[in-house]
Structure formats: C-alpha cells, structure tokens
Protein backbone atom coordinates (compact mmCIF):
# COMPACT_ATOMS: atom_id res chain seq x y z
CA MET A 1 0.14 0.20 -0.20
CA ASN A 2 2.64 1.97 0.61
CA GLU A 3 4.44 1.80 -2.37
CA LYS A 4 1.35 2.24 -4.24
CA LYS A 5 1.23 5.61 -2.78
CA TYR A 6 5.05 6.26 -3.09
CA ASN A 7 4.19 5.71 -7.09
CA SER A 8 1.55 7.46 -7.12
CA LEU A 9 3.07 10.65 -5.64
CA ARG A 10 6.29 9.98 -8.13
CA TRP A 11 3.90 9.68 -10.95
CA PHE A 12 2.25 13.10 -9.67
CA TRP A 13 5.31 15.20 -9.61
CA GLY A 14 7.00 13.85 -12.97
CA SER A 15 3.46 14.68 -14.47
CA LEU A 16 3.94 18.30 -12.86
CA SER A 17 5.55 21.34 -15.35
CA LEU A 18 8.98 22.65 -14.49
CA GLN A 19 7.69 25.42 -13.32
CA LYS A 20 4.65 24.41 -11.28
CA LYS A 21 7.96 21.91 -9.41
CA VAL A 22 10.04 25.42 -9.21
CA ASN A 23 7.02 27.19 -7.56
CA TYR A 24 6.28 24.48 -5.23
CA LEU A 25 9.95 23.90 -4.59
CA THR A 26 9.91 27.69 -3.57
CA ALA A 27 6.81 28.00 -1.45
CA SER A 28 8.28 24.99 0.34
CA GLY A 29 11.72 26.86 1.00
CA ALA A 30 9.64 30.00 1.71
CA ALA A 31 7.66 28.86 4.46
CA VAL A 32 10.76 26.74 5.89
CA VAL A 33 12.57 29.69 6.31
CA ILE A 34 9.73 31.86 7.65
CA LEU A 35 8.84 29.00 10.22
CA SER A 36 12.19 28.89 11.91
CA ILE A 37 12.24 32.87 11.74
CA ILE A 38 9.04 32.63 13.40
CA ALA A 39 10.59 29.97 16.16
CA ASN A 40 13.05 32.25 16.72
CA PHE A 41 11.24 35.18 16.81
CA MET A 42 9.70 33.81 19.36
CA VAL A 43 12.37 32.36 21.68
CA ALA A 44 13.86 35.35 21.80
CA GLY A 45 10.43 37.35 22.26
CA PHE A 46 10.49 35.27 25.45
CA GLY A 47 13.92 36.07 26.75
CA MET A 48 13.58 39.66 25.98
CA ARG A 49 9.68 39.67 27.33
CA GLY A 50 10.13 37.48 30.71
CA PHE A 51 13.90 38.43 31.77
CA SER A 52 14.59 41.40 30.30
CA SER A 53 11.98 43.11 32.39
CA VAL A 54 13.28 40.88 35.07
CA LEU A 55 17.15 43.00 34.59
CA ARG A 56 16.00 46.17 33.95
CA ASN A 57 13.68 46.35 37.23
CA ASN A 58 16.52 44.82 39.51
CA SER A 59 19.38 47.33 37.68
CA GLN A 60 16.93 50.32 38.72
CA SER A 61 16.36 49.56 42.15
CA LEU A 62 20.01 49.12 42.16
CA ALA A 63 21.06 52.06 40.80
CA PHE A 64 18.85 54.13 43.18
CA TRP A 65 20.68 52.25 46.07
CA SER A 66 23.89 52.62 45.42
CA ALA A 67 23.00 56.42 44.20
CA MET A 68 21.56 57.04 47.21
CA GLU A 69 24.59 55.81 49.38
CA ASN A 70 26.62 57.94 47.41
CA GLU A 71 24.87 61.04 48.34
CA LYS A 72 24.85 60.42 51.72
CA ASN A 73 28.59 59.82 51.93
CA ALA A 74 29.22 62.59 49.51
CA PHE A 75 26.93 64.96 52.08
CA ALA A 76 29.26 63.62 54.78
CA SER A 77 32.50 64.34 53.22
CA TYR A 78 30.93 68.06 52.18
CA ILE A 79 29.41 69.01 55.65
CA LYS A 80 33.42 67.79 57.42
CA ASP A 81 35.37 69.35 55.12
CA ASP A 82 33.44 72.16 52.84
CA THR A 83 35.70 72.76 49.90
CA LYS A 84 35.02 73.47 46.16
CA ASP A 85 35.83 69.77 45.11
CA SER A 86 34.10 68.04 47.85
CA ARG A 87 30.95 70.46 47.07
CA GLU A 88 31.00 69.21 43.39
CA VAL A 89 30.78 65.91 44.01
CA TYR A 90 28.22 66.36 46.41
CA GLU A 91 26.01 68.07 43.84
CA LYS A 92 26.84 65.42 40.92
CA ALA A 93 25.87 62.55 43.79
CA CYS A 94 22.54 64.90 44.26
CA ARG A 95 21.49 64.40 40.65
CA ASN A 96 22.26 60.91 40.11
CA THR A 97 20.11 60.45 43.27
CA LYS A 98 17.46 62.07 41.19
CA LYS A 99 17.89 60.63 37.65
CA ALA A 100 17.86 57.44 40.08
CA VAL A 101 14.52 58.29 41.28
CA ASP A 102 13.08 59.53 38.02
CA GLN A 103 13.92 55.93 36.48
CA LEU A 104 12.47 53.56 39.07
CA PRO A 105 9.19 51.78 37.56
CA TYR A 106 5.88 53.61 38.33
CA ASP A 107 3.55 51.31 36.80
CA TYR A 108 1.15 49.32 38.68
CA LYS A 109 0.23 46.73 36.53
CA LYS A 110 3.55 46.39 35.54
CA THR A 111 5.30 46.20 38.69
CA GLY A 112 2.10 45.01 40.92
CA ARG A 113 0.76 46.85 44.42
CA TYR A 114 3.60 46.60 46.70
CA GLN A 115 6.28 47.62 44.86
CA TYR A 116 4.37 50.24 43.28
CA ALA A 117 3.66 51.72 46.63
CA LYS A 118 7.28 51.19 47.93
CA VAL A 119 8.17 53.37 44.62
CA TRP A 120 5.29 56.07 45.57
CA SER A 121 7.03 56.33 49.12
CA ILE A 122 10.33 56.57 48.00
CA ARG A 123 9.26 59.75 45.54
CA ASN A 124 7.26 61.55 47.79
CA MET A 125 10.48 61.08 50.46
CA TYR A 126 12.66 62.34 48.37
CA GLU A 127 10.97 65.06 47.05
CA ASN A 128 10.21 66.55 50.90
CA TYR A 129 14.30 65.45 51.34
CA ALA A 130 15.11 67.58 48.32
CA VAL A 131 13.44 70.62 49.54
CA TYR A 132 14.72 69.76 52.52
CA ARG A 133 18.05 69.67 52.01
CA ASP A 134 18.19 72.82 49.79
CA LYS A 135 16.98 74.47 52.23
CA PHE A 136 19.54 73.63 55.00
CA HIS A 137 22.53 74.64 52.46
CA LYS A 138 21.14 78.37 52.97
CA LEU A 139 22.16 77.96 56.80
CA THR A 140 25.60 78.48 58.57
CA LYS A 141 26.74 76.54 61.58
CA GLN A 142 26.24 79.99 63.76
CA ASP A 143 22.43 79.38 63.00
CA PRO A 144 20.64 78.04 66.35
CA ASP A 145 18.94 74.63 64.36
CA TYR A 146 22.16 74.30 61.81
CA THR A 147 22.43 71.11 64.09
CA GLU A 148 19.32 69.50 64.64
CA LYS A 149 18.40 69.90 60.82
CA LEU A 150 21.72 68.30 59.98
CA TYR A 151 20.56 65.42 62.43
CA THR A 152 17.53 65.11 60.48
CA ILE A 153 18.79 65.04 57.05
CA TYR A 154 21.35 62.43 58.95
CA ARG A 155 18.15 60.98 59.64
CA VAL A 156 15.58 61.10 56.30
CA GLN A 157 18.85 59.71 54.54
CA ALA A 158 18.92 57.30 56.31
CA TYR A 159 15.46 56.21 55.48
CA LEU A 160 16.02 56.87 52.15
CA THR A 161 18.63 53.73 52.05
CA ALA A 162 16.56 51.55 53.63
CA TYR A 163 13.88 51.96 51.26
CA ALA A 164 16.24 51.22 48.52
CA GLY A 165 17.19 48.29 50.59
CA GLN A 166 13.54 47.06 50.89
CA LEU A 167 12.70 47.91 47.42
CA GLU A 168 15.83 46.20 46.13
CA GLN A 169 15.10 43.34 48.28
CA MET A 170 10.96 43.27 46.72
CA THR A 171 12.23 43.62 43.16
CA VAL A 172 14.46 40.29 43.62
CA LYS A 173 11.75 38.45 45.06
CA GLN A 174 9.20 39.60 42.56
CA GLY A 175 11.72 38.42 39.83
CA ASN A 176 12.53 35.57 41.12
CA GLU A 177 8.71 34.74 41.45
CA SER A 178 7.99 35.39 37.82
CA TYR A 179 11.15 33.09 36.85
CA GLU A 180 9.75 30.26 38.52
CA LYS A 181 6.19 31.05 36.69
CA LYS A 182 7.75 31.06 33.39
CA ARG A 183 10.57 28.84 33.58
CA TYR A 184 8.75 25.90 32.02
CA LEU A 185 8.89 27.51 28.84
CA LEU A 186 12.66 27.65 28.61
CA VAL A 187 12.23 23.79 28.19
CA ILE A 188 9.45 23.68 26.00
CA VAL A 189 10.19 26.18 23.23
CA PRO A 190 14.08 25.21 23.00
CA ALA A 191 12.50 21.52 22.35
CA ALA A 192 10.14 22.86 20.14
CA SER A 193 12.52 24.58 18.39
CA LEU A 194 15.08 22.00 17.84
CA ILE A 195 12.06 19.39 16.84
CA TRP A 196 11.29 21.90 13.82
CA GLY A 197 14.32 22.46 13.41
CA GLY A 198 14.80 18.36 12.96
CA ALA A 199 11.84 18.17 10.83
CA SER A 200 12.69 21.66 8.78
CA LEU A 201 16.18 19.72 7.42
CA LEU A 202 14.34 16.50 6.88
CA PHE A 203 12.51 18.25 4.72
CA VAL A 204 15.07 20.20 3.03
CA LYS A 205 17.17 17.21 2.39
CA LEU A 206 13.94 15.68 0.38
CA LEU A 207 13.79 18.90 -1.73
CA ASN A 208 17.29 18.10 -2.21
CA ARG A 209 16.89 14.58 -3.34
CA SER A 210 13.51 15.69 -5.33
CA ILE A 211 15.39 18.42 -7.09
CA ASN A 212 18.99 16.15 -7.64
CA ARG A 213 16.49 13.33 -9.20
CA SER A 214 14.56 15.36 -11.39
CA ILE A 215 15.75 18.43 -12.51
CA ILE A 216 19.95 18.69 -11.37
CA ARG A 217 20.94 14.69 -12.41
CA PRO A 218 19.32 14.51 -16.15
CA VAL A 219 20.84 18.11 -16.59
CA VAL A 220 24.50 16.85 -15.84
CA GLU A 221 24.17 13.71 -17.99
CA LEU A 222 22.68 15.64 -20.86
CA ALA A 223 25.80 18.18 -20.02
CA LYS A 224 28.40 14.78 -20.30
CA ASP A 225 26.79 13.85 -23.38
CA SER A 226 26.99 17.48 -24.90
CA THR A 227 30.49 16.98 -24.26
CA ARG A 228 31.31 13.98 -25.49
CA ILE A 229 29.52 14.80 -28.70
CA GLY A 230 31.57 18.28 -29.15
CA LYS A 231 34.71 15.89 -29.44
CA ASN A 232 32.41 13.78 -32.06
CA ASP A 233 32.35 10.91 -29.79
CA PHE A 234 28.07 9.49 -30.30
CA SER A 235 28.79 6.28 -28.89
CA GLY A 236 27.72 7.55 -25.30
CA GLU A 237 24.23 5.93 -23.78
CA ASP A 238 21.15 7.96 -24.13
CA VAL A 239 20.12 9.76 -21.09
CA LYS A 240 17.21 8.63 -19.86
CA ARG A 241 14.39 10.31 -17.60
CA GLU A 242 10.78 9.60 -16.56
CA GLY A 243 7.97 11.96 -16.42
CA ASP A 244 6.96 14.48 -18.77
CA ASP A 245 7.90 17.61 -17.49
CA GLU A 246 10.02 20.19 -19.68
CA ILE A 247 13.19 18.05 -18.74
CA ALA A 248 12.17 14.56 -19.66
CA ARG A 249 11.17 16.39 -22.89
CA LEU A 250 14.05 17.86 -23.33
CA VAL A 251 16.27 14.89 -22.87
CA ARG A 252 14.00 12.87 -25.36
CA ALA A 253 14.21 15.29 -27.89
CA PHE A 254 18.33 15.40 -27.09
CA SER A 255 18.74 11.60 -27.59
CA ALA A 256 16.55 12.17 -30.71
CA MET A 257 18.54 14.88 -32.10
CA LYS A 258 21.79 12.12 -31.18
CA SER A 259 20.55 9.92 -33.10
CA SER A 260 20.16 11.93 -35.86
CA THR A 261 23.32 13.70 -35.79
CA ARG A 262 25.02 10.91 -35.74
CA GLY A 263 23.27 9.16 -38.88
CA TYR A 264 23.81 12.66 -40.36
CA ILE A 265 27.67 12.80 -39.89
CA SER A 266 27.94 9.44 -41.18
CA ALA A 267 26.32 10.48 -43.99
CA LEU A 268 28.39 13.62 -44.35
CA THR A 269 31.36 12.11 -44.26
CA GLU A 270 30.51 10.06 -46.98
CA LYS A 271 29.78 12.88 -49.00
CA HIS A 272 32.66 14.63 -48.08
CA GLU A 273 34.93 11.75 -49.63
CA MET A 274 33.11 11.90 -52.60
CA GLU A 275 33.34 15.51 -52.75
CA LYS A 276 37.12 15.01 -52.44
CA GLN A 277 37.51 12.64 -54.90
CA LEU A 278 35.16 15.27 -57.31
CA ASP A 279 37.81 18.21 -56.31
CA GLU A 280 40.85 16.30 -57.39
CA VAL A 281 39.28 15.39 -60.61
CA ARG A 282 38.48 18.62 -61.45
CA LEU A 283 42.06 20.01 -60.17
CA GLN A 284 43.54 17.68 -62.89
CA MET A 285 41.11 19.40 -65.22
CA LEU A 286 42.06 22.54 -64.36
CA LYS A 287 45.40 21.77 -64.72
CA ASN A 288 45.07 19.88 -68.13
CA GLN A 289 43.07 23.35 -69.48
CA ILE A 290 45.47 25.52 -70.88
CA ASN A 291 44.72 29.08 -72.62
CA PRO A 292 44.69 28.67 -76.15
CA HIS A 293 44.57 32.70 -76.55
CA PHE A 294 47.99 33.16 -74.31
CA LEU A 295 49.97 29.80 -75.69
CA PHE A 296 49.40 31.35 -79.34
CA ASN A 297 50.54 35.44 -78.47
CA THR A 298 53.65 33.71 -76.36
CA LEU A 299 54.43 31.16 -79.21
CA ASN A 300 54.17 33.59 -81.93
CA MET A 301 56.07 37.01 -79.22
CA ILE A 302 58.71 34.11 -79.00
CA SER A 303 59.29 33.64 -82.23
CA SER A 304 59.57 37.37 -83.28
CA MET A 305 61.93 37.49 -80.49
CA ALA A 306 64.02 34.92 -81.87
CA GLN A 307 64.72 36.90 -85.20
CA ILE A 308 65.60 39.87 -83.42
CA GLU A 309 67.75 39.25 -81.00
CA ASP A 310 70.53 36.49 -79.47
CA ALA A 311 69.58 33.34 -78.26
CA SER A 312 69.94 34.03 -74.60
CA VAL A 313 66.37 35.64 -74.30
CA THR A 314 64.55 33.13 -76.18
CA GLU A 315 65.93 30.31 -74.10
CA ARG A 316 64.78 32.05 -71.21
CA MET A 317 61.56 32.60 -72.31
CA ILE A 318 61.11 29.10 -73.33
CA SER A 319 62.56 28.03 -70.04
CA ALA A 320 59.68 29.79 -68.03
CA LEU A 321 57.02 28.35 -70.60
CA SER A 322 58.33 24.73 -69.93
CA SER A 323 58.43 25.18 -66.57
CA LEU A 324 54.70 26.24 -66.83
CA PHE A 325 53.32 23.85 -68.69
CA ARG A 326 55.70 21.13 -66.61
CA TYR A 327 53.97 22.31 -63.51
CA ASN A 328 50.69 22.33 -64.80
CA LEU A 329 50.32 19.11 -66.57
CA LYS A 330 52.49 17.17 -64.65
CA SER A 331 51.93 18.12 -60.57
CA THR A 332 49.87 15.71 -59.20
CA ASP A 333 50.45 17.19 -55.64
CA SER A 334 47.34 18.30 -54.25
CA VAL A 335 49.78 21.25 -51.67
CA MET A 336 52.94 22.99 -52.79
CA PRO A 337 55.42 24.50 -50.67
CA LEU A 338 54.48 28.16 -51.31
CA GLU A 339 58.01 29.02 -52.35
CA ARG A 340 57.02 26.89 -55.43
CA GLU A 341 54.10 27.99 -56.27
CA LEU A 342 55.78 31.83 -55.96
CA LYS A 343 58.46 30.40 -58.50
CA VAL A 344 55.43 29.42 -60.57
CA VAL A 345 54.00 32.38 -60.37
CA GLN A 346 57.36 33.99 -61.23
CA ASP A 347 58.05 32.68 -65.15
CA TYR A 348 54.19 33.48 -65.35
CA MET A 349 54.97 37.06 -64.81
CA TYR A 350 58.43 36.75 -66.76
CA LEU A 351 56.38 36.15 -69.91
CA GLN A 352 53.81 38.54 -69.69
CA GLN A 353 56.09 41.15 -68.67
CA MET A 354 57.98 39.94 -71.92
CA ARG A 355 54.66 40.59 -73.82
CA PHE A 356 53.79 43.82 -72.21
CA GLY A 357 57.01 45.33 -71.38
CA GLN A 358 57.32 47.62 -68.34
CA ARG A 359 53.32 48.19 -68.23
CA PHE A 360 53.24 45.57 -65.11
CA GLN A 361 54.98 45.83 -62.56
CA TYR A 362 55.46 42.55 -60.25
CA ILE A 363 56.17 42.69 -56.50
CA THR A 364 56.73 39.92 -54.10
CA ASP A 365 56.82 40.76 -50.31
CA CYS A 366 56.39 37.09 -48.19
CA SER A 367 57.52 36.55 -44.59
CA PRO A 368 60.84 33.56 -44.80
CA GLN A 369 58.61 31.93 -42.49
CA THR A 370 56.04 31.27 -44.88
CA LEU A 371 58.05 30.15 -47.71
CA ASP A 372 57.79 26.31 -46.77
CA ILE A 373 54.39 26.07 -45.62
CA LEU A 374 52.39 23.64 -47.72
CA ILE A 375 49.40 25.30 -49.68
CA PRO A 376 47.29 23.97 -52.37
CA SER A 377 48.65 23.72 -55.32
CA PHE A 378 47.90 25.70 -58.24
CA SER A 379 46.26 28.17 -56.15
CA LEU A 380 48.35 31.49 -56.42
CA GLN A 381 48.49 31.22 -60.51
CA PRO A 382 44.90 31.45 -61.72
CA LEU A 383 44.71 35.05 -59.11
CA VAL A 384 47.76 36.45 -60.59
CA GLU A 385 46.21 35.28 -63.93
CA ASN A 386 42.69 36.87 -63.72
CA ALA A 387 44.59 39.96 -62.21
CA VAL A 388 46.33 40.67 -65.70
CA ILE A 389 43.54 39.98 -67.81
CA HIS A 390 40.67 41.45 -66.26
CA GLY A 391 42.74 43.66 -64.34
CA LEU A 392 46.04 45.39 -65.62
CA SER A 393 45.42 44.73 -69.50
CA LYS A 394 42.72 46.67 -69.86
CA ARG A 395 44.69 49.91 -68.27
CA SER A 396 47.17 51.52 -71.09
CA ARG A 397 49.31 52.42 -68.22
CA GLY A 398 49.18 48.46 -67.43
CA GLY A 399 49.71 49.04 -62.99
CA LYS A 400 51.35 47.01 -60.20
CA ILE A 401 50.58 43.31 -58.87
CA LEU A 402 51.80 42.38 -55.70
CA ILE A 403 51.95 38.97 -53.98
CA ARG A 404 52.12 39.09 -49.95
CA SER A 405 51.94 36.41 -47.13
CA TRP A 406 52.42 36.80 -43.54
CA LEU A 407 51.32 34.87 -40.27
CA LYS A 408 48.82 36.03 -37.78
CA GLU A 409 47.66 34.34 -34.50
CA GLY A 410 48.94 30.52 -36.52
CA LYS A 411 47.32 31.25 -39.56
CA LEU A 412 48.95 31.85 -43.05
CA VAL A 413 47.92 35.14 -44.64
CA ILE A 414 48.01 35.42 -48.42
CA SER A 415 47.30 38.56 -50.23
CA VAL A 416 46.99 38.79 -54.24
CA ALA A 417 46.41 42.08 -55.12
CA ASP A 418 46.08 44.95 -58.05
CA THR A 419 45.59 48.34 -59.15
CA GLY A 420 43.77 47.40 -62.03
CA GLU A 421 40.46 48.52 -63.19
CA GLY A 422 38.61 47.27 -59.88
CA ILE A 423 35.20 45.91 -59.51
CA ASP A 424 31.80 48.15 -58.57
CA HIS A 425 30.12 46.76 -55.69
CA GLU A 426 27.54 45.22 -57.11
CA LYS A 427 29.03 42.92 -59.43
CA LEU A 428 31.25 42.35 -56.27
CA GLU A 429 28.38 40.84 -54.36
CA GLU A 430 27.57 38.76 -57.04
CA ILE A 431 31.02 37.04 -57.10
CA ARG A 432 30.79 36.78 -53.66
CA CYS A 433 27.64 35.11 -53.61
CA SER A 434 28.44 32.85 -56.97
CA LEU A 435 31.02 31.72 -54.65
CA ARG A 436 29.39 30.48 -51.50
CA ASP A 437 26.52 28.93 -54.24
CA GLY A 438 29.25 26.90 -56.03
CA GLU A 439 28.54 28.88 -59.32
CA GLU A 440 31.41 28.74 -61.69
CA LYS A 441 29.95 30.39 -64.51
CA LYS A 442 29.84 33.80 -62.74
CA THR A 443 33.49 33.47 -60.80
CA GLY A 444 35.33 30.81 -63.46
CA ILE A 445 36.95 27.72 -62.95
CA GLY A 446 39.77 29.04 -61.70
CA VAL A 447 38.50 31.12 -58.64
CA GLY A 448 35.88 28.42 -57.87
CA ASN A 449 38.34 25.89 -57.61
CA ILE A 450 40.48 27.77 -55.47
CA TYR A 451 37.43 28.32 -53.27
CA ARG A 452 36.36 25.08 -52.39
CA ARG A 453 39.31 23.82 -51.99
CA VAL A 454 40.82 26.36 -49.31
CA HIS A 455 37.50 25.49 -47.62
CA GLY A 456 37.15 21.94 -47.94
CA MET A 457 41.06 21.31 -46.82
CA TYR A 458 40.89 23.68 -43.86
CA LYS A 459 38.69 23.92 -41.39
CA ASP A 460 38.70 27.42 -41.06
CA GLY A 461 39.80 28.44 -44.50
CA GLU A 462 38.63 31.38 -45.82
CA VAL A 463 38.87 32.99 -49.06
CA SER A 464 38.13 36.85 -49.24
CA ILE A 465 37.84 39.74 -52.10
CA TYR A 466 38.24 42.64 -51.94
CA SER A 467 37.77 45.74 -54.65
CA ALA A 468 36.90 49.78 -55.67
CA PRO A 469 36.49 50.72 -58.94
CA LEU A 470 39.68 52.62 -60.52
CA LYS A 471 41.52 51.70 -57.32
CA GLY A 472 42.33 47.49 -57.72
CA THR A 473 41.64 43.93 -56.68
CA ALA A 474 42.46 42.31 -53.21
CA VAL A 475 41.98 38.46 -52.84
CA GLN A 476 43.26 36.72 -49.86
CA LEU A 477 43.10 33.39 -48.59
CA SER A 478 43.31 32.49 -45.19
CA PHE A 479 43.76 28.62 -43.15
CA THR A 480 46.00 27.34 -40.85
CA PRO A 481 48.56 25.69 -42.15
CA GLU A 482 48.12 21.93 -41.40
CA TYR A 483 51.53 20.65 -43.44
CA GLN A 484 54.84 22.13 -44.12
CA LYS A 485 57.73 20.75 -46.55
CA ASN A 486 60.32 18.27 -45.13
CA SER A 487 63.39 19.55 -44.14
C-alpha cells in the first residue's frame, strides 16, 4: 500500500511542469525559512519580555540604592570638609540620585501593588527630602537650629537608604517568582525549536533529493553527453528520464537529435569523401586546361624575338614557358610549398612582362617563415592571371601586382592584389554570392576551384575578395597550415 502511494506520488510529481515544480519548491523553502524565523522570534521574544523586564527592574532598584549611598557619603564629606571639590562631588551625587529616582518603575500594572506603593513612598519622601536639603544649605553653622536640621537630613538619608534596600529585595523577590512561573517555557520553547529544526532539515533533505533526481542529475548527464558529442564521440548511452515535464521532454528530444546527428555525420562523411575525389578530378581538369590565346600570343612573340635578338632571351622565355607547362601537366600533388608556387607565378609574370613590356610590375613581399608552408597547389597563378587579364591589361598604363604572405595568430594569410580596374560593388557582391553557392559560370573555374579547395582542405579556410572601381582588387586566402615541407 505504501509503495503504491509512493509510486502515485512520483507519477504526480513527474507530470508537473518545471515551472510548477519550481513554484512548489520555492514555496516550501520559503515556508521553512519563515517558520524558522517565527520560532527564533518566539524564543528571543520570550527572553526579551520575560528576563529583560526582571533585569531592568533589578538594575533600576540597585541603581537608586547605590546612588542614595553615594549621596549620603558625599553629603557627610561635604559637611566635614567644605571645599569646592567636595561640593562638586556632592552636587553630582544629588543629580545622580534624582535621575535614579525618576527611573524607578512606577507602573501599577507591571510592578504590582506592593512595589508600586514602595516606589510611591520613596518618590514622595525624596521630594520632601530634596526641598529640606536645599533649604539647609542656605544656613550657616552659627544658626541655632543648624545642628538639629543636619541630623534630620542624616535620618532622612538613612530612611531613604533603607527604603532602597527594601525595594531592591522586593524587586529581586518578584523577579524570582516571575522566573519560577515561566521557567517551564525555557524547556518547552527550545525543545519545540529543536523538533521544528529537525523537521525542517528532513524536509530540506527530501527537497534536495527531489531536485537532484528530477532536475540536476538529468542536466548533468546531458552536459556530459553534449561534451562527448562536441568531441565527435557519439558512443555514449542515451540519457533516460521518466515523466512528462520540460526536462523529460528535453532529454527525449536531445536523444532523438543525437541519433539523427549520428546518422547525418555518417552520411556527410561519405559525401565529403566523394566531394574530395571530385575536387581532385576538377584540379586535374584545371591543370590540363591551357589558354589557347595565351599560348598563341606567347609562341608568336618567342618567334619574333628569336629573329631580332640573341638566343639567350629566347632560351629564358622558353625555359619559363616549359616550367609552366611542366607544373600544370605533370604535378599531381594537392599541396605545394609556397616558395614553389611563387616560382610558378614568377615564370608566368616573366612571360607577361616580355609580352607587355614595362606596363606590368610584379612585387613579392612574403615572410621567410611562410615559404616552406604547404598550400593548395596551383592556387596563386590563376589569381595572378585574373589580375592580368581582368585588371591590368585593360589599362594602357598598366599597373602593379603585389603578392604578400604572413602569419597572424597561427594562421597563414596570402594576399594577391593589383592596381587594375577594380570591380563595382554590385558585381563584387554577385561574385561573392556565386563563390558561396558554387556557381562557376559567374566566377570562372579557377577562382571557384580555389575557393572550394581552401574551404574543403582547412576547417578555418577563408577566401575573401576586396575591390573598388579604379582602385584595384585584392584576393586574400587565410587558413591554419596543416602541412610543412620536409627539411
């Protein structure tokens, strides 16, 4: 029967929404805190109302008794030795006694009949005494009734001192009686506080177990599973959570997402391998592509130069052209050292400078640290060729091509810039969109192939194009190097 009730309670708790659970837990915790505060106030209030009143009455009665004794002694010293110091001490003692009299408890309901009557007698006697005492100070020792009045003051002071002692005894007695009446509360209130405290601790423990089981443990398991998934590890067991609250639905949705992602990654891996093979085919196609117009003009120019110059120039041009063909047609590696790529660009630019004369200037500014880094093969010459054809050849005065490379926060950055015609904003945005969408018809096979290879070979690979009309164009490759030429 108890197990059935427990299971029913667990089902009810699991069916609640997370917001309702939080509300219940908050209300329960607030109730525990509030009731604990009330219990503490009850204990403190009992002590303050009961014992503080007794202690205050005793303190006031004792203060009057002590003040009266001091005044009596100060008066005797003053009469015996009439000096300025003794008079100041005496006057101060009189003020303290007056203050102590005014502070005596004078409430019939709180003090009771006998203590009230005693305080009333003391107040009246002290007022008469104070008047008589002040008149006495106006007399001199030569007055006939000086001695009689002096002894009268002594007697009144003795009466007041005796009354003060009686009041102190009466106050102590009443305090003891009050304490005896309320002493049982000193046992009941602490015992009740201990019982309530124990019950509160037990309730908090149950709340903690409930929160841990229904909220914290599933979230911790989800966090651990998500950490494994972040490391591409999908081998962990799925998190399990009973109930129908938000946490349970989140756990089930996470498990379903994990299963779907596992299948998606498997399919994506297969697709990536296929695209990698396809890129290699495209690279070979790009290498085998020869610009007929460029080849025709170059061969005509070599033939002309051979007729009018010595063989040394012709030999240099043929050597540069042979290096280009050899690199395009025979190289099968997907990566090459940056230094080798720059050599290919240098051969290409030599031929272009021989063709166009001094219209073109070719400048390299590459960090020595970057020359041995392996980069995607055949990635610079197509960019330089684009700069010549689309940027500089249209300008009668020619221009400059600048190739720079440097390392920035572990990434290799390569920039191919020209001072050519540039690209207007709309055309530039169209080219950027075409690169992202893989539409080679609008970008050309060279730039599109470089864009895909850089993004496919490197996780953080980027290809950026910057340009402005009549200010030139810059293409920037950036990625974290994964290979370096063997020493």
